[in-house]
Protein backbone atom coordinates (compact mmCIF):
# COMPACT_ATOMS: atom_id res chain seq x y z
CA UNK A 1 -243.30 -137.59 -33.17
CA UNK A 2 -245.25 -135.28 -31.03
CA UNK A 3 -242.62 -135.12 -28.36
CA UNK A 4 -240.13 -134.46 -31.02
CA UNK A 5 -242.01 -131.45 -32.29
CA UNK A 6 -242.47 -130.23 -28.59
CA UNK A 7 -238.67 -130.40 -28.20
CA UNK A 8 -238.06 -128.59 -31.37
CA UNK A 9 -240.30 -125.79 -30.39
CA UNK A 10 -238.68 -125.43 -26.78
CA UNK A 11 -235.78 -122.90 -26.93
CA UNK A 12 -234.25 -124.59 -23.98
CA UNK A 13 -234.06 -128.04 -26.11
CA UNK A 14 -233.89 -126.83 -29.70
CA UNK A 15 -230.75 -125.53 -31.15
CA UNK A 16 -229.22 -124.65 -34.54
CA UNK A 17 -227.37 -127.59 -35.69
CA UNK A 18 -224.68 -125.16 -37.10
CA UNK A 19 -222.24 -126.46 -34.60
CA UNK A 20 -219.29 -126.93 -36.90
CA UNK A 21 -217.13 -124.14 -35.71
CA UNK A 22 -213.80 -125.48 -34.44
CA UNK A 23 -211.84 -124.12 -37.43
CA UNK A 24 -214.43 -121.76 -39.05
CA UNK A 25 -211.83 -118.98 -39.73
CA UNK A 26 -213.38 -116.45 -37.16
CA UNK A 27 -210.65 -116.76 -34.67
CA UNK A 28 -207.49 -114.95 -34.65
CA UNK A 29 -204.21 -116.65 -34.40
CA UNK A 30 -203.88 -115.13 -31.00
CA UNK A 31 -207.25 -116.56 -29.88
CA UNK A 32 -206.38 -119.95 -31.24
CA UNK A 33 -203.10 -120.09 -29.25
CA UNK A 34 -205.09 -119.13 -26.07
CA UNK A 35 -207.46 -121.81 -26.89
CA UNK A 36 -204.88 -124.48 -27.33
CA UNK A 37 -203.29 -123.66 -23.99
CA UNK A 38 -206.62 -123.63 -22.14
CA UNK A 39 -207.70 -126.78 -23.81
CA UNK A 40 -204.46 -128.42 -22.66
CA UNK A 41 -204.83 -127.23 -19.15
CA UNK A 42 -208.41 -128.43 -18.93
CA UNK A 43 -207.38 -131.87 -20.20
CA UNK A 44 -204.72 -132.11 -17.60
CA UNK A 45 -207.27 -131.42 -14.91
CA UNK A 46 -209.71 -134.18 -16.40
CA UNK A 47 -212.14 -131.42 -17.58
CA UNK A 48 -213.53 -132.27 -21.01
CA UNK A 49 -214.26 -129.27 -23.30
CA UNK A 50 -215.48 -128.41 -26.74
CA UNK A 51 -215.02 -125.15 -28.67
CA UNK A 52 -217.80 -122.98 -30.08
CA UNK A 53 -220.98 -124.14 -28.27
CA UNK A 54 -224.18 -122.81 -29.35
CA UNK A 55 -226.24 -121.83 -26.26
CA UNK A 56 -230.04 -121.79 -25.95
CA UNK A 57 -229.91 -118.02 -26.12
CA UNK A 58 -228.23 -118.26 -29.55
CA UNK A 59 -224.86 -116.90 -28.11
CA UNK A 60 -221.86 -119.10 -28.83
CA UNK A 61 -219.31 -119.90 -26.00
CA UNK A 62 -215.71 -120.01 -27.02
CA UNK A 63 -215.11 -123.14 -24.82
CA UNK A 64 -217.44 -125.06 -22.75
CA UNK A 65 -216.09 -127.61 -20.28
CA UNK A 66 -217.62 -130.39 -17.99
CA UNK A 67 -215.73 -131.31 -14.90
CA UNK A 68 -215.77 -134.85 -13.28
CA UNK A 69 -218.28 -133.40 -10.77
CA UNK A 70 -220.64 -132.28 -13.61
CA UNK A 71 -219.85 -128.62 -13.21
CA UNK A 72 -220.22 -126.60 -16.57
CA UNK A 73 -217.58 -124.07 -17.28
CA UNK A 74 -217.69 -121.53 -20.11
CA UNK A 75 -214.37 -119.98 -21.05
CA UNK A 76 -214.40 -116.77 -23.13
CA UNK A 77 -211.30 -116.15 -24.96
CA UNK A 78 -210.09 -112.67 -25.32
CA UNK A 79 -207.13 -112.05 -27.76
CA UNK A 80 -206.45 -108.64 -26.60
CA UNK A 81 -207.80 -105.50 -24.91
CA UNK A 82 -209.66 -104.22 -27.84
CA UNK A 83 -211.35 -107.53 -28.23
CA UNK A 84 -212.47 -107.33 -24.59
CA UNK A 85 -213.78 -103.96 -24.74
CA UNK A 86 -215.80 -104.46 -27.80
CA UNK A 87 -217.59 -107.42 -26.29
CA UNK A 88 -220.80 -106.60 -24.53
CA UNK A 89 -222.29 -109.98 -24.80
CA UNK A 90 -220.38 -111.83 -22.36
CA UNK A 91 -222.80 -111.37 -19.54
CA UNK A 92 -225.30 -113.42 -21.61
CA UNK A 93 -223.19 -116.59 -20.96
CA UNK A 94 -223.48 -116.43 -17.14
CA UNK A 95 -226.98 -118.16 -16.96
CA UNK A 96 -225.56 -121.19 -18.85
CA UNK A 97 -222.51 -122.09 -16.53
CA UNK A 98 -221.47 -122.87 -12.96
CA UNK A 99 -218.18 -121.08 -13.56
CA UNK A 100 -217.29 -118.30 -15.99
CA UNK A 101 -213.66 -117.51 -16.95
CA UNK A 102 -211.92 -115.17 -19.35
CA UNK A 103 -208.82 -116.59 -20.91
CA UNK A 104 -206.16 -114.14 -22.00
CA UNK A 105 -202.51 -113.99 -22.64
CA UNK A 106 -200.23 -113.26 -19.71
CA UNK A 107 -199.62 -109.71 -20.99
CA UNK A 108 -203.30 -108.75 -20.86
CA UNK A 109 -204.09 -105.78 -18.56
CA UNK A 110 -205.97 -107.99 -15.99
CA UNK A 111 -207.15 -104.81 -14.02
CA UNK A 112 -209.46 -104.19 -16.93
CA UNK A 113 -211.37 -107.56 -16.25
CA UNK A 114 -214.36 -107.52 -13.91
CA UNK A 115 -213.31 -108.31 -10.35
CA UNK A 116 -216.02 -110.79 -9.70
CA UNK A 117 -215.07 -113.01 -12.79
CA UNK A 118 -212.41 -115.62 -13.07
CA UNK A 119 -209.53 -115.46 -15.45
CA UNK A 120 -207.05 -117.69 -16.92
CA UNK A 121 -203.59 -116.86 -18.31
CA UNK A 122 -202.70 -119.00 -21.49
CA UNK A 123 -200.18 -119.38 -24.21
CA UNK A 124 -199.84 -122.07 -26.85
CA UNK A 125 -198.37 -124.63 -24.43
CA UNK A 126 -200.62 -124.43 -21.40
CA UNK A 127 -202.56 -122.14 -19.06
CA UNK A 128 -203.20 -121.41 -15.37
CA UNK A 129 -206.17 -120.37 -13.52
CA UNK A 130 -205.03 -117.06 -11.84
CA UNK A 131 -208.22 -116.02 -10.21
CA UNK A 132 -210.78 -118.80 -9.72
CA UNK A 133 -214.39 -118.19 -10.86
CA UNK A 134 -217.11 -117.99 -8.33
CA UNK A 135 -219.60 -120.92 -8.28
CA UNK A 136 -223.11 -119.79 -9.61
CA UNK A 137 -224.90 -123.26 -9.51
CA UNK A 138 -227.10 -124.01 -12.31
CA UNK A 139 -230.58 -125.32 -11.87
CA UNK A 140 -231.01 -129.00 -12.40
CA UNK A 141 -233.32 -128.46 -15.36
CA UNK A 142 -231.21 -126.12 -17.24
CA UNK A 143 -227.96 -128.43 -16.30
CA UNK A 144 -229.80 -131.33 -17.67
CA UNK A 145 -230.58 -129.51 -20.91
CA UNK A 146 -227.06 -128.18 -21.30
CA UNK A 147 -225.47 -131.64 -20.79
CA UNK A 148 -227.84 -133.20 -23.50
CA UNK A 149 -226.87 -130.30 -25.69
CA UNK A 150 -223.08 -130.97 -25.26
CA UNK A 151 -223.65 -134.80 -25.82
CA UNK A 152 -225.68 -134.19 -29.06
CA UNK A 153 -223.03 -131.64 -30.42
CA UNK A 154 -220.21 -133.87 -29.59
CA UNK A 155 -222.08 -136.73 -31.27
CA UNK A 156 -222.69 -134.78 -34.36
CA UNK A 157 -219.06 -133.51 -34.50
CA UNK A 158 -217.62 -136.97 -34.08
CA UNK A 159 -219.85 -138.43 -36.83
CA UNK A 160 -218.50 -135.57 -39.08
CA UNK A 161 -214.97 -136.38 -38.13
CA UNK A 162 -214.40 -133.11 -36.11
CA UNK A 163 -212.77 -132.95 -32.80
């Protein structure tokens, strides 16, 4: 029991169990369309992903993927230029992934995206990585914590009948 209390007090281990977000009504139709296309592309590349993952810093990643090599990807969905320009929190995701991408519609003005970040074009049917994301290797301890977090969130969602 003491170990459980220690884990709950550690922000790298503890997390809010409000992980029920796949269809919480916050996403626009454009964002859901981009998410659908990115999810299909990742699946075709044998990269598992889950939407709306709470991170240890209390931010919420739009999509988090795990590659067959154990790389962790975060994909931040931007439904349009105004959505991107209003978002000041995306740098907070970088310490929690090996690769970070923006996923946007093909008509998004990509010259507005940071040059050192990967991006993906997506529609409702699929997606394509246009600019690969640079690898920023996670520390082993943080990777382990995030993998356990993903497994637990997946287990809780499965138990509730969510995808």
